[in-house]
PDB file of N, CA and C in Angstrom:
ATOM      1  N   UNK A   1      35.904 142.461  24.810  1.00  0.00           N
ATOM      2  CA  UNK A   1      37.099 141.894  25.038  1.00  0.00           C
ATOM      3  C   UNK A   1      37.939 142.906  26.039  1.00  0.00           C
ATOM      4  N   UNK A   2      38.503 142.288  27.105  1.00  0.00           N
ATOM      5  CA  UNK A   2      39.191 143.158  27.955  1.00  0.00           C
ATOM      6  C   UNK A   2      40.711 143.223  27.793  1.00  0.00           C
ATOM      7  N   UNK A   3      41.330 144.217  27.986  1.00  0.00           N
ATOM      8  CA  UNK A   3      42.789 144.099  27.928  1.00  0.00           C
ATOM      9  C   UNK A   3      43.486 144.330  29.233  1.00  0.00           C
ATOM     10  N   UNK A   4      44.462 143.711  29.666  1.00  0.00           N
ATOM     11  CA  UNK A   4      45.217 143.739  30.845  1.00  0.00           C
ATOM     12  C   UNK A   4      46.388 144.646  30.771  1.00  0.00           C
ATOM     13  N   UNK A   5      46.691 145.657  31.386  1.00  0.00           N
ATOM     14  CA  UNK A   5      47.640 146.493  31.346  1.00  0.00           C
ATOM     15  C   UNK A   5      48.533 146.383  32.492  1.00  0.00           C
ATOM     16  N   UNK A   6      49.011 145.176  32.823  1.00  0.00           N
ATOM     17  CA  UNK A   6      49.861 144.872  34.040  1.00  0.00           C
ATOM     18  C   UNK A   6      51.350 145.230  33.656  1.00  0.00           C
ATOM     19  N   UNK A   7      52.035 145.382  34.936  1.00  0.00           N
ATOM     20  CA  UNK A   7      53.609 145.585  34.739  1.00  0.00           C
ATOM     21  C   UNK A   7      54.154 144.328  34.212  1.00  0.00           C
ATOM     22  N   UNK A   8      54.944 144.735  33.226  1.00  0.00           N
ATOM     23  CA  UNK A   8      55.885 143.611  32.671  1.00  0.00           C
ATOM     24  C   UNK A   8      57.112 143.375  33.656  1.00  0.00           C
ATOM     25  N   UNK A   9      57.620 142.110  33.649  1.00  0.00           N
ATOM     26  CA  UNK A   9      58.686 141.830  34.333  1.00  0.00           C
ATOM     27  C   UNK A   9      59.734 142.524  33.896  1.00  0.00           C
ATOM     28  N   UNK A  10      60.782 143.043  34.863  1.00  0.00           N
ATOM     29  CA  UNK A  10      61.920 143.749  34.251  1.00  0.00           C
ATOM     30  C   UNK A  10      62.928 142.655  33.671  1.00  0.00           C
ATOM     31  N   UNK A  11      63.525 143.040  32.421  1.00  0.00           N
ATOM     32  CA  UNK A  11      64.379 142.116  31.798  1.00  0.00           C
ATOM     33  C   UNK A  11      65.671 142.073  32.460  1.00  0.00           C
ATOM     34  N   UNK A  12      66.318 140.916  32.834  1.00  0.00           N
ATOM     35  CA  UNK A  12      67.581 141.040  33.533  1.00  0.00           C
ATOM     36  C   UNK A  12      68.711 141.405  32.707  1.00  0.00           C
ATOM     37  N   UNK A  13      69.739 142.253  33.131  1.00  0.00           N
ATOM     38  CA  UNK A  13      70.718 142.795  32.359  1.00  0.00           C
ATOM     39  C   UNK A  13      72.076 142.349  33.021  1.00  0.00           C
ATOM     40  N   UNK A  14      73.028 142.318  32.255  1.00  0.00           N
ATOM     41  CA  UNK A  14      74.378 141.834  32.763  1.00  0.00           C
ATOM     42  C   UNK A  14      75.479 142.581  31.983  1.00  0.00           C
ATOM     43  N   UNK A  15      76.647 142.704  32.509  1.00  0.00           N
ATOM     44  CA  UNK A  15      77.649 143.232  31.825  1.00  0.00           C
ATOM     45  C   UNK A  15      78.316 142.217  30.880  1.00  0.00           C
ATOM     46  N   UNK A  16      78.399 142.602  29.680  1.00  0.00           N
ATOM     47  CA  UNK A  16      78.579 141.776  28.500  1.00  0.00           C
ATOM     48  C   UNK A  16      79.721 142.305  27.652  1.00  0.00           C
ATOM     49  N   UNK A  17      80.571 141.395  27.176  1.00  0.00           N
ATOM     50  CA  UNK A  17      81.810 141.627  26.279  1.00  0.00           C
ATOM     51  C   UNK A  17      81.333 142.023  24.875  1.00  0.00           C
ATOM     52  N   UNK A  18      81.800 143.218  24.511  1.00  0.00           N
ATOM     53  CA  UNK A  18      81.398 143.636  23.056  1.00  0.00           C
ATOM     54  C   UNK A  18      82.580 143.992  22.322  1.00  0.00           C
ATOM     55  N   UNK A  19      82.435 144.087  20.972  1.00  0.00           N
ATOM     56  CA  UNK A  19      83.322 144.865  20.054  1.00  0.00           C
ATOM     57  C   UNK A  19      82.571 146.239  19.725  1.00  0.00           C
ATOM     58  N   UNK A  20      83.298 147.324  19.723  1.00  0.00           N
ATOM     59  CA  UNK A  20      82.877 148.558  19.373  1.00  0.00           C
ATOM     60  C   UNK A  20      83.781 149.259  18.234  1.00  0.00           C
ATOM     61  N   UNK A  21      83.039 149.981  17.350  1.00  0.00           N
ATOM     62  CA  UNK A  21      83.834 150.543  16.303  1.00  0.00           C
ATOM     63  C   UNK A  21      84.823 151.694  16.849  1.00  0.00           C
ATOM     64  N   UNK A  22      85.788 151.730  16.140  1.00  0.00           N
ATOM     65  CA  UNK A  22      86.955 152.713  16.648  1.00  0.00           C
ATOM     66  C   UNK A  22      86.721 154.122  15.865  1.00  0.00           C
ATOM     67  N   UNK A  23      85.814 154.104  14.803  1.00  0.00           N
ATOM     68  CA  UNK A  23      85.469 155.331  14.057  1.00  0.00           C
ATOM     69  C   UNK A  23      84.670 156.187  14.687  1.00  0.00           C
ATOM     70  N   UNK A  24      85.151 157.453  14.968  1.00  0.00           N
ATOM     71  CA  UNK A  24      84.215 158.348  15.918  1.00  0.00           C
ATOM     72  C   UNK A  24      82.938 158.667  15.231  1.00  0.00           C
ATOM     73  N   UNK A  25      82.918 158.515  13.857  1.00  0.00           N
ATOM     74  CA  UNK A  25      81.374 158.775  13.346  1.00  0.00           C
ATOM     75  C   UNK A  25      80.697 157.849  13.090  1.00  0.00           C
ATOM     76  N   UNK A  26      81.021 156.472  13.586  1.00  0.00           N
ATOM     77  CA  UNK A  26      80.111 155.469  13.499  1.00  0.00           C
ATOM     78  C   UNK A  26      79.776 154.951  14.924  1.00  0.00           C
ATOM     79  N   UNK A  27      78.639 154.290  15.248  1.00  0.00           N
ATOM     80  CA  UNK A  27      78.020 153.988  16.501  1.00  0.00           C
ATOM     81  C   UNK A  27      78.011 152.445  16.520  1.00  0.00           C
ATOM     82  N   UNK A  28      78.745 151.667  15.605  1.00  0.00           N
ATOM     83  CA  UNK A  28      78.515 150.129  15.525  1.00  0.00           C
ATOM     84  C   UNK A  28      79.100 149.450  16.583  1.00  0.00           C
ATOM     85  N   UNK A  29      78.393 148.265  16.992  1.00  0.00           N
ATOM     86  CA  UNK A  29      78.966 147.596  18.065  1.00  0.00           C
ATOM     87  C   UNK A  29      78.266 146.204  17.876  1.00  0.00           C
ATOM     88  N   UNK A  30      78.874 145.124  18.561  1.00  0.00           N
ATOM     89  CA  UNK A  30      78.259 143.791  18.403  1.00  0.00           C
ATOM     90  C   UNK A  30      78.628 143.014  19.760  1.00  0.00           C
ATOM     91  N   UNK A  31      77.907 142.135  20.190  1.00  0.00           N
ATOM     92  CA  UNK A  31      78.290 141.327  21.228  1.00  0.00           C
ATOM     93  C   UNK A  31      79.419 140.300  20.819  1.00  0.00           C
ATOM     94  N   UNK A  32      80.355 140.210  21.688  1.00  0.00           N
ATOM     95  CA  UNK A  32      81.597 139.322  21.340  1.00  0.00           C
ATOM     96  C   UNK A  32      81.118 137.924  20.970  1.00  0.00           C
ATOM     97  N   UNK A  33      80.273 137.398  21.779  1.00  0.00           N
ATOM     98  CA  UNK A  33      79.666 136.060  21.419  1.00  0.00           C
ATOM     99  C   UNK A  33      79.115 135.950  20.069  1.00  0.00           C
ATOM    100  N   UNK A  34      78.847 137.050  19.411  1.00  0.00           N
ATOM    101  CA  UNK A  34      78.113 136.844  18.172  1.00  0.00           C
ATOM    102  C   UNK A  34      79.151 137.140  17.000  1.00  0.00           C
ATOM    103  N   UNK A  35      80.399 137.473  17.325  1.00  0.00           N
ATOM    104  CA  UNK A  35      81.464 137.583  16.308  1.00  0.00           C
ATOM    105  C   UNK A  35      81.949 136.270  15.649  1.00  0.00           C
ATOM    106  N   UNK A  36      82.096 136.186  14.496  1.00  0.00           N
ATOM    107  CA  UNK A  36      82.750 135.078  13.917  1.00  0.00           C
ATOM    108  C   UNK A  36      84.097 135.051  13.696  1.00  0.00           C
ATOM    109  N   UNK A  37      84.785 136.340  13.923  1.00  0.00           N
ATOM    110  CA  UNK A  37      86.159 136.572  13.790  1.00  0.00           C
ATOM    111  C   UNK A  37      86.833 136.754  15.076  1.00  0.00           C
ATOM    112  N   UNK A  38      88.257 136.447  15.221  1.00  0.00           N
ATOM    113  CA  UNK A  38      88.900 136.893  16.392  1.00  0.00           C
ATOM    114  C   UNK A  38      89.082 138.499  16.564  1.00  0.00           C
ATOM    115  N   UNK A  39      89.275 139.141  15.519  1.00  0.00           N
ATOM    116  CA  UNK A  39      89.337 140.741  15.564  1.00  0.00           C
ATOM    117  C   UNK A  39      88.354 141.077  14.315  1.00  0.00           C
ATOM    118  N   UNK A  40      87.242 141.264  14.517  1.00  0.00           N
ATOM    119  CA  UNK A  40      86.232 141.727  13.475  1.00  0.00           C
ATOM    120  C   UNK A  40      86.383 143.077  12.989  1.00  0.00           C
ATOM    121  N   UNK A  41      85.916 143.289  11.866  1.00  0.00           N
ATOM    122  CA  UNK A  41      85.798 144.737  11.169  1.00  0.00           C
ATOM    123  C   UNK A  41      84.359 145.193  11.478  1.00  0.00           C
ATOM    124  N   UNK A  42      84.213 146.546  11.646  1.00  0.00           N
ATOM    125  CA  UNK A  42      82.696 146.978  11.744  1.00  0.00           C
ATOM    126  C   UNK A  42      81.912 146.670  10.571  1.00  0.00           C
ATOM    127  N   UNK A  43      80.804 145.976  10.780  1.00  0.00           N
ATOM    128  CA  UNK A  43      79.869 145.656   9.642  1.00  0.00           C
ATOM    129  C   UNK A  43      79.144 146.892   9.086  1.00  0.00           C
ATOM    130  N   UNK A  44      79.244 148.009   9.687  1.00  0.00           N
ATOM    131  CA  UNK A  44      78.691 149.219   9.212  1.00  0.00           C
ATOM    132  C   UNK A  44      79.603 150.038   8.268  1.00  0.00           C
ATOM    133  N   UNK A  45      80.927 150.256   8.805  1.00  0.00           N
ATOM    134  CA  UNK A  45      81.760 151.023   8.112  1.00  0.00           C
ATOM    135  C   UNK A  45      83.234 150.399   7.664  1.00  0.00           C
ATOM    136  N   UNK A  46      83.353 149.088   8.154  1.00  0.00           N
ATOM    137  CA  UNK A  46      84.576 148.358   7.793  1.00  0.00           C
ATOM    138  C   UNK A  46      85.850 148.909   8.501  1.00  0.00           C
ATOM    139  N   UNK A  47      85.570 149.708   9.746  1.00  0.00           N
ATOM    140  CA  UNK A  47      86.830 150.131  10.503  1.00  0.00           C
ATOM    141  C   UNK A  47      87.265 149.060  11.442  1.00  0.00           C
ATOM    142  N   UNK A  48      88.270 149.168  12.080  1.00  0.00           N
ATOM    143  CA  UNK A  48      88.884 148.286  13.047  1.00  0.00           C
ATOM    144  C   UNK A  48      87.871 148.452  14.389  1.00  0.00           C
ATOM    145  N   UNK A  49      87.777 147.349  15.234  1.00  0.00           N
ATOM    146  CA  UNK A  49      86.881 147.285  16.300  1.00  0.00           C
ATOM    147  C   UNK A  49      87.762 147.041  17.419  1.00  0.00           C
ATOM    148  N   UNK A  50      87.308 147.494  18.631  1.00  0.00           N
ATOM    149  CA  UNK A  50      88.058 147.305  19.943  1.00  0.00           C
ATOM    150  C   UNK A  50      87.115 146.608  20.977  1.00  0.00           C
ATOM    151  N   UNK A  51      87.807 145.766  21.838  1.00  0.00           N
ATOM    152  CA  UNK A  51      86.839 145.164  22.900  1.00  0.00           C
ATOM    153  C   UNK A  51      86.395 146.154  23.799  1.00  0.00           C
ATOM    154  N   UNK A  52      85.241 145.925  24.543  1.00  0.00           N
ATOM    155  CA  UNK A  52      84.805 146.810  25.521  1.00  0.00           C
ATOM    156  C   UNK A  52      83.738 145.918  26.306  1.00  0.00           C
ATOM    157  N   UNK A  53      82.984 146.637  27.189  1.00  0.00           N
ATOM    158  CA  UNK A  53      81.797 146.039  27.863  1.00  0.00           C
ATOM    159  C   UNK A  53      80.726 146.944  27.858  1.00  0.00           C
ATOM    160  N   UNK A  54      79.441 146.360  27.854  1.00  0.00           N
ATOM    161  CA  UNK A  54      78.192 147.107  27.841  1.00  0.00           C
ATOM    162  C   UNK A  54      77.203 146.475  28.762  1.00  0.00           C
ATOM    163  N   UNK A  55      76.259 147.127  29.555  1.00  0.00           N
ATOM    164  CA  UNK A  55      75.205 146.661  30.213  1.00  0.00           C
ATOM    165  C   UNK A  55      74.152 146.229  29.146  1.00  0.00           C
ATOM    166  N   UNK A  56      73.905 144.926  28.965  1.00  0.00           N
ATOM    167  CA  UNK A  56      72.800 144.553  28.084  1.00  0.00           C
ATOM    168  C   UNK A  56      71.809 143.503  28.558  1.00  0.00           C
ATOM    169  N   UNK A  57      70.543 143.385  28.057  1.00  0.00           N
ATOM    170  CA  UNK A  57      69.680 142.372  28.414  1.00  0.00           C
ATOM    171  C   UNK A  57      70.417 140.998  28.205  1.00  0.00           C
ATOM    172  N   UNK A  58      69.987 139.908  28.994  1.00  0.00           N
ATOM    173  CA  UNK A  58      70.409 138.721  29.017  1.00  0.00           C
ATOM    174  C   UNK A  58      69.858 137.963  27.849  1.00  0.00           C
ATOM    175  N   UNK A  59      70.701 137.323  26.828  1.00  0.00           N
ATOM    176  CA  UNK A  59      69.957 136.415  25.946  1.00  0.00           C
ATOM    177  C   UNK A  59      70.388 135.004  26.114  1.00  0.00           C
ATOM    178  N   UNK A  60      69.358 134.193  26.075  1.00  0.00           N
ATOM    179  CA  UNK A  60      69.560 132.773  26.499  1.00  0.00           C
ATOM    180  C   UNK A  60      69.724 131.965  25.104  1.00  0.00           C
TER     181      UNK A  60
END
């Protein structure tokens, strides 16, 4: 059986709105589109979150 090790197509990325944790000791973040609340709490440490942006792979 032969295996093909070809180049994979690059995943398209786009600037995405996110919520990021305000706690300096926590690296929690989530896509804004996946938040169920208008102002969510961090799911890792329960701290306040603030809006921001991040370059992320496109999810369809």
